[in-house]
């Protein structure tokens, strides 16, 4: 079953309006595809596919959210952290995807999850989190 990942409005604004580069963490699929660049492009929205610059397997350290809602992938999977700091953490295999505009102007954002996933045509985490809204091309 195909999984399709959605960017948040904040991520789209950073990429399209501010020209920032985004490092996106996509959960490693249960297949050994090997064409990670092609896989990443097929798993992202059409307007983002041409901005995929690289896609490589990696492992990240995760600190789970033990309470609260589950309205985005960070809340579901956990926060990507650099070190455990004495707190409970675990490792997750990902495909690290670099998204960059044709002429990057801004900073490079840290590794982060997309906002939601669509599995079999249905949003994984609620309708509002998964609703694909067109990105803004202006300042608003």
Protein backbone atom coordinates (compact mmCIF):
# COMPACT_ATOMS: atom_id res chain seq x y z
CA UNK A 1 0.00 0.00 0.00
CA UNK A 2 1.38 3.38 -1.01
CA UNK A 3 1.98 6.08 1.58
CA UNK A 4 1.91 9.75 0.63
CA UNK A 5 3.40 12.41 2.93
CA UNK A 6 2.08 15.96 3.35
CA UNK A 7 3.99 19.09 4.30
CA UNK A 8 2.64 21.53 6.86
CA UNK A 9 1.74 25.08 5.91
CA UNK A 10 4.84 26.22 7.84
CA UNK A 11 7.06 23.84 5.84
CA UNK A 12 5.55 24.96 2.51
CA UNK A 13 5.98 28.63 3.41
CA UNK A 14 9.63 28.04 4.36
CA UNK A 15 10.29 26.21 1.09
CA UNK A 16 8.25 28.24 -1.41
CA UNK A 17 8.08 31.73 0.10
CA UNK A 18 11.33 32.08 2.06
CA UNK A 19 13.51 29.85 -0.14
CA UNK A 20 14.74 27.75 2.77
CA UNK A 21 16.10 24.22 2.44
CA UNK A 22 14.25 21.55 4.44
CA UNK A 23 15.62 18.25 5.70
CA UNK A 24 12.59 15.97 5.84
CA UNK A 25 12.50 12.65 7.71
CA UNK A 26 10.28 10.08 6.01
CA UNK A 27 9.76 6.81 7.91
CA UNK A 28 11.74 4.04 6.21
CA UNK A 29 9.29 1.96 4.16
CA UNK A 30 9.15 -1.81 4.75
CA UNK A 31 10.79 -2.45 1.37
CA UNK A 32 14.37 -2.36 0.19
CA UNK A 33 13.73 -0.02 -2.72
CA UNK A 34 17.31 1.24 -3.23
CA UNK A 35 16.08 4.02 -5.57
CA UNK A 36 15.45 6.28 -2.60
CA UNK A 37 15.40 9.45 -4.71
CA UNK A 38 12.62 8.06 -6.92
CA UNK A 39 10.76 6.69 -3.90
CA UNK A 40 10.93 10.04 -2.08
CA UNK A 41 9.64 11.91 -5.12
CA UNK A 42 6.71 9.51 -5.48
CA UNK A 43 5.85 9.84 -1.76
CA UNK A 44 5.60 13.65 -1.75
CA UNK A 45 3.13 16.16 -3.22
CA UNK A 46 3.47 16.97 -6.92
CA UNK A 47 4.59 20.59 -6.36
CA UNK A 48 7.43 19.38 -4.09
CA UNK A 49 8.75 16.43 -6.14
CA UNK A 50 11.00 18.51 -8.38
CA UNK A 51 12.62 20.06 -5.28
CA UNK A 52 13.90 16.72 -3.92
CA UNK A 53 17.70 17.01 -4.09
CA UNK A 54 18.73 13.90 -2.16
CA UNK A 55 17.26 10.91 -0.32
CA UNK A 56 19.38 8.58 1.80
CA UNK A 57 18.71 6.02 4.55
CA UNK A 58 19.58 7.23 8.04
CA UNK A 59 18.79 6.53 11.67
CA UNK A 60 17.46 9.18 14.04
CA UNK A 61 17.06 9.35 17.81
CA UNK A 62 13.45 9.89 18.91
CA UNK A 63 12.01 11.22 22.16
CA UNK A 64 8.36 10.11 22.36
CA UNK A 65 5.49 12.37 23.34
CA UNK A 66 3.90 10.49 26.21
CA UNK A 67 0.79 12.62 26.51
CA UNK A 68 -1.31 15.04 24.50
CA UNK A 69 -2.96 14.85 21.10
CA UNK A 70 -1.82 13.05 18.00
CA UNK A 71 -2.52 15.64 15.31
CA UNK A 72 0.81 15.44 13.44
CA UNK A 73 3.60 12.91 12.86
CA UNK A 74 5.85 14.51 15.48
CA UNK A 75 3.20 13.90 18.12
CA UNK A 76 2.61 10.35 16.86
CA UNK A 77 6.20 9.15 16.28
CA UNK A 78 8.10 11.50 18.58
CA UNK A 79 10.50 14.42 18.35
CA UNK A 80 13.80 14.02 16.51
CA UNK A 81 16.59 14.88 18.97
CA UNK A 82 20.39 15.04 18.85
CA UNK A 83 20.97 13.23 22.16
CA UNK A 84 19.00 11.46 24.86
CA UNK A 85 19.86 13.89 27.70
CA UNK A 86 19.07 11.14 30.20
CA UNK A 87 15.51 10.77 28.92
CA UNK A 88 13.84 7.75 27.31
CA UNK A 89 14.60 7.68 23.57
CA UNK A 90 14.68 5.15 20.77
CA UNK A 91 16.07 4.92 17.22
CA UNK A 92 14.00 4.98 14.04
CA UNK A 93 15.16 4.21 10.51
CA UNK A 94 14.24 6.96 8.06
CA UNK A 95 14.91 8.21 4.58
CA UNK A 96 16.46 11.67 5.00
CA UNK A 97 15.18 13.83 2.15
CA UNK A 98 16.60 17.23 1.24
CA UNK A 99 14.11 19.64 -0.34
CA UNK A 100 15.60 22.80 -1.81
CA UNK A 101 14.20 25.52 -4.05
CA UNK A 102 15.89 26.17 -7.40
CA UNK A 103 17.59 29.26 -5.92
CA UNK A 104 17.89 28.76 -2.14
CA UNK A 105 17.89 32.09 -0.28
CA UNK A 106 17.29 31.18 3.31
CA UNK A 107 18.71 28.95 5.98
CA UNK A 108 18.64 25.17 6.09
CA UNK A 109 16.02 23.94 8.53
CA UNK A 110 16.75 21.01 10.87
CA UNK A 111 15.62 17.46 10.18
CA UNK A 112 11.85 17.22 10.74
CA UNK A 113 8.84 15.03 10.06
CA UNK A 114 6.23 15.92 7.45
CA UNK A 115 2.91 16.91 9.05
CA UNK A 116 0.91 13.82 8.07
CA UNK A 117 0.64 10.75 5.90
CA UNK A 118 -2.12 9.54 3.60
CA UNK A 119 -2.44 5.76 3.56
CA UNK A 120 -4.76 4.10 1.06
CA UNK A 121 -6.35 7.47 0.30
CA UNK A 122 -7.19 8.18 3.96
CA UNK A 123 -5.32 10.61 6.25
CA UNK A 124 -3.46 8.85 9.04
CA UNK A 125 -4.08 11.65 11.54
CA UNK A 126 -7.39 13.43 11.20
CA UNK A 127 -8.80 15.39 8.32
CA UNK A 128 -7.46 18.85 9.32
CA UNK A 129 -3.84 17.71 9.59
CA UNK A 130 -3.99 15.91 6.25
CA UNK A 131 -5.92 18.44 4.17
CA UNK A 132 -3.62 19.38 1.27
CA UNK A 133 -3.95 23.14 0.91
CA UNK A 134 -2.27 24.95 -2.00
CA UNK A 135 0.91 26.73 -0.98
CA UNK A 136 0.94 30.49 -0.83
CA UNK A 137 3.03 32.22 -3.46
CA UNK A 138 2.79 35.65 -1.90
CA UNK A 139 3.56 37.02 1.52
CA UNK A 140 0.45 35.79 3.30
